[in-house]
Protein backbone atom coordinates (compact mmCIF):
# COMPACT_ATOMS: atom_id res chain seq x y z
CA MET A 1 -27.69 23.47 -29.44
CA VAL A 2 -26.93 22.19 -25.91
CA ASP A 3 -25.79 18.59 -25.69
CA TYR A 4 -26.76 16.48 -22.65
CA ILE A 5 -25.18 13.34 -21.24
CA LYS A 6 -26.25 10.67 -18.79
CA LEU A 7 -24.06 10.03 -15.76
CA PHE A 8 -23.56 6.42 -16.80
CA ASP A 9 -22.21 7.69 -20.08
CA LYS A 10 -19.57 9.60 -18.21
CA ILE A 11 -18.69 6.56 -16.18
CA ILE A 12 -18.08 4.30 -19.15
CA GLU A 13 -16.06 7.05 -20.89
CA PHE A 14 -13.10 5.78 -18.86
CA ILE A 15 -13.19 2.54 -20.91
CA ASN A 16 -11.08 2.36 -24.00
CA TRP A 17 -13.46 0.74 -26.43
CA ASP A 18 -10.81 0.28 -29.06
CA THR A 19 -8.92 -1.93 -26.63
CA LEU A 20 -12.07 -4.03 -26.07
CA LYS A 21 -12.71 -4.21 -29.85
CA TYR A 22 -9.22 -5.63 -30.41
CA SER A 23 -9.66 -8.17 -27.50
CA VAL A 24 -13.01 -9.17 -29.03
CA PHE A 25 -11.43 -9.72 -32.44
CA LYS A 26 -8.56 -11.66 -30.85
CA LEU A 27 -10.72 -13.93 -28.84
CA ASN A 28 -13.72 -14.04 -31.21
CA THR A 29 -16.30 -13.39 -28.49
CA ASP A 30 -18.86 -11.87 -30.75
CA ASN A 31 -19.04 -14.69 -33.20
CA LYS A 32 -22.60 -15.52 -34.20
CA VAL A 33 -23.92 -12.91 -31.74
CA SER A 34 -26.77 -10.78 -33.09
CA LYS A 35 -27.46 -8.33 -30.35
CA PHE A 36 -25.84 -8.75 -26.92
CA PHE A 37 -22.23 -8.00 -28.00
CA THR A 38 -19.25 -8.05 -25.60
CA LYS A 39 -19.46 -4.25 -25.26
CA GLU A 40 -23.07 -4.49 -24.08
CA HIS A 41 -22.14 -7.29 -21.75
CA LEU A 42 -19.43 -5.15 -20.07
CA LYS A 43 -21.80 -2.11 -19.72
CA SER A 44 -24.46 -4.33 -18.14
CA MET A 45 -22.07 -5.76 -15.56
CA ILE A 46 -20.77 -2.29 -14.62
CA TYR A 47 -24.46 -1.25 -14.15
CA TYR A 48 -25.03 -4.42 -12.06
CA HIS A 49 -22.12 -3.58 -9.67
CA ILE A 50 -22.91 0.07 -9.24
CA LEU A 51 -26.62 -0.40 -8.55
CA GLN A 52 -25.94 -3.76 -6.70
CA LYS A 53 -28.82 -5.62 -8.44
CA ASP A 54 -30.11 -8.53 -6.51
CA ASN A 55 -29.63 -11.34 -9.13
CA LEU A 56 -29.64 -12.10 -12.79
CA ARG A 57 -33.41 -11.58 -13.22
CA ASP A 58 -33.14 -8.24 -11.39
CA LEU A 59 -30.27 -7.20 -13.71
CA SER A 60 -32.10 -8.28 -16.86
CA SER A 61 -35.44 -6.65 -15.94
CA GLY A 62 -33.65 -3.47 -14.77
CA ILE A 63 -32.09 -3.08 -18.26
CA CYS A 64 -35.29 -4.01 -20.13
CA MET A 65 -37.64 -1.82 -18.05
CA SER A 66 -35.55 1.38 -17.87
CA LYS A 67 -36.28 3.84 -20.59
CA LYS A 68 -33.23 5.90 -19.51
CA LEU A 69 -31.00 2.92 -20.06
CA LYS A 70 -32.22 1.77 -23.40
CA THR A 71 -30.02 4.32 -25.25
CA ILE A 72 -26.94 3.00 -23.45
CA ILE A 73 -27.39 -0.74 -23.04
CA VAL A 74 -29.46 -2.98 -25.26
CA SER A 75 -32.32 -4.90 -23.69
CA VAL A 76 -31.33 -8.46 -22.90
CA SER A 77 -33.42 -11.53 -21.85
CA LEU A 78 -32.61 -13.56 -18.80
CA GLY A 79 -31.60 -16.56 -20.89
CA THR A 80 -29.30 -14.55 -23.12
CA LEU A 81 -27.58 -12.85 -20.27
CA SER A 82 -27.12 -16.23 -18.45
CA HIS A 83 -25.73 -17.81 -21.66
CA HIS A 84 -23.13 -15.14 -22.21
CA ASN A 85 -22.10 -15.08 -18.63
CA ASN A 86 -21.29 -18.80 -18.84
CA LYS A 87 -19.94 -18.94 -22.33
CA ARG A 88 -18.25 -15.68 -23.22
CA ASN A 89 -14.49 -15.96 -22.57
CA PHE A 90 -13.88 -13.90 -19.39
CA GLU A 91 -10.31 -13.16 -20.71
CA VAL A 92 -11.75 -10.68 -23.25
CA PHE A 93 -12.25 -8.19 -20.35
CA LEU A 94 -8.74 -8.46 -18.85
CA PRO A 95 -7.13 -5.85 -21.05
CA ILE A 96 -9.76 -3.30 -20.01
CA LEU A 97 -9.12 -4.12 -16.38
CA THR A 98 -5.37 -3.63 -16.80
CA GLU A 99 -5.90 -0.25 -18.59
CA LEU A 100 -8.23 1.06 -15.91
CA ILE A 101 -5.86 0.09 -13.18
CA ASN A 102 -2.98 1.78 -14.96
CA LYS A 103 -5.08 4.88 -15.62
CA ALA A 104 -5.93 5.10 -11.92
CA VAL A 105 -2.29 4.64 -10.99
CA ASN A 106 -1.12 7.37 -13.36
CA ILE A 107 -3.55 9.93 -12.03
CA GLY A 108 -2.36 11.78 -8.95
CA SER A 109 0.68 11.11 -6.78
CA VAL A 110 1.95 8.15 -4.78
CA ASN A 111 1.33 8.11 -1.02
CA GLU A 112 4.07 10.34 0.43
CA SER A 113 4.69 8.16 3.48
CA LEU A 114 5.49 5.18 1.15
CA LYS A 115 7.86 6.80 -1.30
CA ARG A 116 10.93 5.85 0.77
CA PHE A 117 10.07 2.15 0.40
CA GLY A 118 9.46 1.94 -3.33
CA PRO A 119 6.73 -0.44 -4.54
CA VAL A 120 4.94 -2.13 -1.70
CA LYS A 121 2.55 -4.98 -2.51
CA LEU A 122 0.14 -6.63 -0.04
CA ILE A 123 -0.83 -10.25 -0.60
CA ASP A 124 -3.85 -11.93 0.92
CA SER A 125 -7.00 -13.87 -0.04
CA THR A 126 -10.70 -13.66 0.72
CA THR A 127 -13.06 -16.64 0.50
CA ILE A 128 -16.59 -16.40 -0.84
CA SER A 129 -18.90 -19.25 0.26
CA MET A 130 -21.45 -20.73 -2.16
CA SER A 131 -24.20 -23.27 -2.15
CA LEU A 132 -22.83 -26.78 -2.67
CA ASN A 133 -26.09 -27.73 -4.50
CA LEU A 134 -25.34 -25.08 -7.16
CA TYR A 135 -21.58 -25.20 -7.30
CA HIS A 136 -20.48 -28.89 -7.01
CA TRP A 137 -17.22 -28.12 -8.82
CA ALA A 138 -16.16 -25.70 -6.05
CA LEU A 139 -16.45 -28.23 -3.10
CA PHE A 140 -14.85 -26.57 -0.14
CA ARG A 141 -16.13 -28.41 2.93
CA SER A 142 -18.61 -31.33 3.30
CA THR A 143 -21.58 -28.94 3.39
CA LYS A 144 -20.43 -25.94 1.30
CA ALA A 145 -18.70 -24.71 -1.77
CA GLY A 146 -16.47 -21.65 -2.23
CA VAL A 147 -13.93 -19.79 -4.23
CA LYS A 148 -10.98 -17.95 -2.98
CA ILE A 149 -9.63 -14.66 -4.55
CA HIS A 150 -5.96 -14.44 -4.06
CA THR A 151 -5.09 -10.76 -4.39
CA ARG A 152 -1.97 -8.60 -4.81
CA PHE A 153 -2.79 -5.04 -3.65
CA ASP A 154 -0.61 -2.05 -4.62
CA LEU A 155 -0.33 -0.16 -1.37
CA ASN A 156 1.27 2.96 -2.92
CA ASN A 157 -1.79 3.49 -5.14
CA GLY A 158 -4.59 1.80 -3.20
CA LEU A 159 -5.46 -0.69 -6.02
CA PRO A 160 -5.37 -4.35 -6.67
CA ASP A 161 -3.05 -5.12 -9.56
CA ALA A 162 -3.22 -8.90 -9.80
CA PHE A 163 -5.43 -11.74 -8.64
CA VAL A 164 -5.89 -15.48 -8.97
CA VAL A 165 -9.19 -17.28 -8.43
CA THR A 166 -9.07 -20.85 -7.10
CA ASN A 167 -11.32 -23.37 -5.32
CA ALA A 168 -11.53 -22.25 -1.71
CA VAL A 169 -9.86 -25.46 -0.59
CA GLU A 170 -6.64 -24.34 -2.34
CA HIS A 171 -3.90 -23.27 0.10
CA ASP A 172 -2.74 -19.69 -0.06
CA LYS A 173 0.89 -20.65 -0.60
CA THR A 174 0.10 -22.29 -3.98
CA THR A 175 -0.47 -18.87 -5.64
CA MET A 176 2.62 -17.06 -4.33
CA ASP A 177 4.87 -17.54 -7.40
CA SER A 178 2.32 -15.91 -9.71
CA LEU A 179 1.68 -12.98 -7.32
CA MET A 180 5.42 -12.41 -6.33
CA ASP A 181 6.68 -11.94 -9.88
CA THR A 182 8.66 -8.75 -9.64
CA LYS A 183 12.20 -8.05 -8.27
CA HIS A 184 13.11 -5.12 -6.00
CA CYS A 185 9.61 -4.84 -4.57
CA ILE A 186 8.42 -5.25 -0.95
CA TYR A 187 5.81 -8.00 -0.53
CA VAL A 188 3.85 -8.05 2.80
CA PHE A 189 1.82 -11.15 3.68
CA ASP A 190 0.61 -12.91 6.79
CA LYS A 191 2.07 -16.09 8.36
CA ALA A 192 -0.28 -18.41 6.38
CA TYR A 193 2.09 -17.96 3.46
CA SER A 194 5.24 -19.08 5.45
CA ASP A 195 7.51 -21.36 3.45
CA TYR A 196 11.20 -21.33 4.48
CA LYS A 197 12.44 -22.80 1.15
CA LYS A 198 10.54 -20.11 -0.69
CA PHE A 199 11.95 -17.44 1.62
CA ASP A 200 15.47 -18.47 0.61
CA GLN A 201 14.43 -18.42 -2.98
CA TYR A 202 12.88 -14.96 -2.68
CA THR A 203 16.04 -13.65 -1.11
CA ARG A 204 18.20 -15.03 -3.93
CA ASP A 205 15.79 -13.56 -6.44
CA GLU A 206 15.99 -10.10 -4.73
CA LYS A 207 12.32 -10.11 -3.86
CA TYR A 208 11.87 -8.49 -0.44
CA PHE A 209 9.20 -9.45 2.05
CA VAL A 210 7.80 -8.74 5.50
CA THR A 211 5.70 -11.32 7.24
CA ARG A 212 4.75 -12.60 10.70
CA LEU A 213 6.49 -15.53 12.40
CA LYS A 214 4.42 -18.56 13.12
CA ASP A 215 3.86 -19.27 16.83
CA ASN A 216 5.56 -22.72 16.70
CA ALA A 217 8.45 -21.61 14.56
CA VAL A 218 12.01 -22.92 15.36
CA VAL A 219 14.44 -20.05 15.37
CA THR A 220 18.19 -20.03 15.76
CA GLU A 221 19.68 -16.63 16.80
CA VAL A 222 22.81 -15.42 15.05
CA LYS A 223 23.32 -12.00 16.59
CA ASP A 224 21.45 -9.04 18.14
CA LEU A 225 20.92 -5.77 16.20
CA ARG A 226 20.42 -2.32 17.57
CA ILE A 227 16.78 -1.36 17.68
CA SER A 228 16.27 1.55 15.22
CA ARG A 229 13.42 3.97 14.91
CA SER A 230 12.19 6.25 12.15
CA ASP A 231 12.76 9.98 12.32
CA ASN A 232 8.97 10.40 12.23
CA ARG A 233 6.96 8.20 14.58
CA LEU A 234 5.15 5.45 12.60
CA LEU A 235 3.83 3.10 15.29
CA ASP A 236 1.08 3.90 17.77
CA LEU A 237 1.98 5.48 21.07
CA GLY A 238 2.27 2.66 23.63
CA THR A 239 3.79 0.18 21.15
CA GLN A 240 7.21 -1.00 22.19
CA ILE A 241 9.88 -2.57 19.95
CA LEU A 242 11.34 -5.42 22.08
CA CYS A 243 14.23 -6.67 19.90
CA ASP A 244 15.82 -6.74 16.45
CA LYS A 245 17.83 -9.95 15.70
CA VAL A 246 19.47 -11.81 12.86
CA VAL A 247 18.24 -15.39 12.81
CA LYS A 248 18.02 -18.55 10.76
CA LEU A 249 14.54 -20.19 10.53
CA GLY A 250 13.62 -23.87 10.75
CA SER A 251 15.32 -26.93 12.13
CA LEU A 252 18.19 -29.02 10.81
CA TYR A 253 15.93 -32.06 11.05
CA THR A 254 13.38 -30.62 8.56
CA TYR A 255 14.67 -27.57 6.78
CA GLN A 256 16.77 -24.68 8.01
CA THR A 257 17.11 -21.63 5.90
CA LYS A 258 20.41 -21.10 4.15
CA GLU A 259 19.97 -17.31 4.31
CA THR A 260 19.66 -15.25 7.46
CA TYR A 261 16.71 -13.07 8.28
CA ARG A 262 15.80 -10.17 10.63
CA LEU A 263 13.44 -10.87 13.42
CA ILE A 264 11.67 -7.85 14.95
CA LYS A 265 9.43 -8.33 17.94
CA ILE A 266 7.01 -5.68 19.23
CA LEU A 267 4.58 -5.37 22.10
CA ASP A 268 1.44 -3.47 20.81
CA LYS A 269 -0.59 -1.07 22.82
CA THR A 270 -3.08 -3.95 23.71
CA GLY A 271 -0.22 -5.96 25.29
CA LYS A 272 -0.03 -8.43 22.41
CA GLU A 273 3.42 -9.59 21.19
CA LEU A 274 3.95 -9.74 17.45
CA THR A 275 7.02 -11.08 15.71
CA PHE A 276 7.98 -10.13 12.20
CA ILE A 277 10.40 -11.70 9.73
CA THR A 278 11.95 -9.92 6.84
CA ASN A 279 14.88 -10.17 4.44
CA ILE A 280 15.27 -6.35 4.30
CA ASP A 281 18.46 -5.11 5.95
CA GLU A 282 18.43 -1.45 5.36
CA LEU A 283 15.04 -0.34 6.87
CA PHE A 284 14.60 0.71 10.56
CA SER A 285 13.10 -1.75 13.04
CA GLU A 286 10.09 0.54 13.32
CA GLU A 287 9.59 0.67 9.55
CA ILE A 288 9.42 -3.06 9.26
CA ALA A 289 6.79 -3.31 12.01
CA TRP A 290 4.83 -0.44 10.44
CA LEU A 291 4.91 -2.07 6.98
CA TYR A 292 3.34 -5.15 8.34
CA LYS A 293 0.69 -3.11 10.10
CA LYS A 294 -0.25 -1.62 6.63
CA ARG A 295 -1.34 -5.11 5.59
CA TRP A 296 -4.67 -4.12 7.13
CA GLU A 297 -5.26 -2.08 3.92
CA ILE A 298 -5.96 -5.19 1.85
CA GLU A 299 -8.51 -6.27 4.44
CA ILE A 300 -10.27 -2.98 4.07
CA PHE A 301 -10.37 -3.40 0.31
CA PHE A 302 -11.94 -6.88 0.68
CA LYS A 303 -14.53 -5.45 3.10
CA TRP A 304 -15.20 -2.55 0.81
CA ILE A 305 -15.89 -4.56 -2.38
CA LYS A 306 -18.10 -7.04 -0.56
CA GLN A 307 -20.20 -4.25 0.97
CA ASN A 308 -20.37 -1.89 -2.03
CA LEU A 309 -20.13 -4.03 -5.15
CA LYS A 310 -21.54 -7.52 -5.91
CA PHE A 311 -19.09 -9.95 -4.45
CA LYS A 312 -20.98 -11.81 -1.80
CA THR A 313 -23.15 -13.78 -4.14
CA PHE A 314 -22.62 -14.83 -7.85
CA ILE A 315 -25.14 -14.60 -10.67
CA GLY A 316 -23.63 -17.42 -12.65
CA ARG A 317 -22.83 -21.09 -11.81
CA SER A 318 -19.79 -21.60 -13.97
CA LEU A 319 -16.20 -20.50 -13.21
CA ASN A 320 -16.36 -18.39 -16.28
CA ALA A 321 -19.42 -16.41 -15.01
CA ILE A 322 -17.75 -15.93 -11.65
CA MET A 323 -14.59 -14.57 -13.34
CA ILE A 324 -16.60 -12.11 -15.32
CA GLN A 325 -18.37 -10.90 -12.20
CA ILE A 326 -15.02 -10.53 -10.29
CA ILE A 327 -13.16 -8.87 -13.19
CA THR A 328 -15.99 -6.33 -13.82
CA GLY A 329 -16.31 -5.71 -10.09
CA ILE A 330 -12.64 -4.73 -9.81
CA MET A 331 -13.01 -2.66 -12.98
CA THR A 332 -15.78 -0.70 -11.28
CA PHE A 333 -13.66 -0.26 -8.18
CA ALA A 334 -10.80 1.14 -10.50
CA ILE A 335 -13.30 3.53 -12.13
CA PHE A 336 -14.29 4.81 -8.60
CA LYS A 337 -10.57 5.27 -7.78
CA ILE A 338 -10.03 7.24 -11.05
CA ILE A 339 -13.01 9.50 -10.14
CA GLU A 340 -11.68 9.87 -6.57
CA LYS A 341 -8.35 11.15 -7.96
CA LEU A 342 -10.03 13.46 -10.52
CA VAL A 343 -12.41 15.35 -8.24
CA GLU A 344 -11.21 18.71 -6.77
CA ILE A 345 -12.70 18.08 -3.36
CA LYS A 346 -11.79 15.67 -0.55
CA ILE A 347 -14.35 12.87 -0.55
CA SER A 348 -14.21 9.20 0.59
CA LEU A 349 -14.64 6.43 -1.86
CA ILE A 350 -17.86 5.20 -0.20
CA ASN A 351 -19.44 8.70 -0.70
CA ILE A 352 -18.31 8.72 -4.34
CA LYS A 353 -20.07 5.36 -4.77
CA ARG A 354 -23.16 6.54 -3.02
CA ALA A 355 -23.42 9.71 -5.04
CA ILE A 356 -22.96 7.86 -8.36
CA LYS A 357 -25.62 5.24 -7.35
CA ASN A 358 -28.08 8.07 -6.32
CA ASN A 359 -27.49 10.12 -9.51
CA PHE A 360 -27.11 7.20 -11.86
CA PHE A 361 -29.95 8.10 -14.22
CA GLU A 362 -29.43 11.92 -13.99
CA ILE A 363 -28.78 13.94 -17.14
CA TYR A 364 -26.10 16.73 -17.29
CA GLU A 365 -25.12 19.43 -19.75
CA ALA A 366 -22.10 17.79 -21.42
CA SER A 367 -19.96 20.92 -21.77
CA LYS A 368 -20.29 21.95 -18.13
CA PHE A 369 -20.04 18.48 -16.59
CA LYS A 370 -17.78 18.32 -13.52
CA TRP A 371 -17.49 15.24 -11.24
CA SER A 372 -17.10 17.52 -8.18
CA ASP A 373 -20.57 19.04 -8.84
CA ILE A 374 -22.21 15.67 -8.37
CA PHE A 375 -20.65 15.27 -4.96
CA ASN A 376 -21.30 18.82 -3.86
CA SER A 377 -24.99 18.36 -4.53
CA SER A 378 -25.44 14.95 -2.97
């Protein structure tokens, strides 16, 4: 007898349901629940992100009206879905998110161009605006509300590995301690995170960083260094390295750093001067500039999830509902990354997402299923 399987079944096979079961037991999230258990909730949210349903009603009706989905997700009313989004503890899903990210990291190899640097983490945030009428608790400006997703992105593996959600009014610098929690790692962040006292602390703690210097920064030069370049060209043709110096940052009248830092200045191919600050001594001048340029990867990640998953608008009004939507969205991204690493053909993440969305309800012979077949046929 031939066994058949739906594509959605294959997608959720990446989830360790025993891990979720333990998390449910620990946090008691299925207490007094008769039908829409935590497992069903998670499946419904992954479905929501992949098919990019418009709103809560669209999600509920999509589940209830699809005969092909009924064997995978139980039907759920709009009210029940809304209730559990607001009340079910979002932390129940965090162990699954961690496992999926680790699974994606452990499949395939690290980016060859980054091996020399060890772990490289990009730190940045993205703001999602919301209606002030619906989200009073997230007051951002006089006329709007918003939340900010502060994210740490593992550049070596192309995945976010930590995030903090705050009111959008919260300054980026307030989340740095929780995101920069590992020694002997290179953190790359923009000048909005500049804090000279923190820079000294990071250096003492052996946390390495590359950032941009603020335009109005006070700098005291200590000595000039020889400009050094990588054996293999990293920066664009036309980009010049202007100087590499040892400096102290800040003023004696406010705060001047106790430690010294490297200042590398470049002139990019558009004629714009960029100045970088780092506490890394052993890398080439060109490598420092190149590492900062790689910060663009986290901007690409933010753009990708907003365009291809459900991050621009929220289907719940509470912080808990927002957290569930963000966590399950990043989970879905991690699943796409796992599939990207498993397929035997070269294909972009956006084409993986499109093929899965287009074939979401298709049925396949279980014993002959290959992810690459879906992408070859789409």
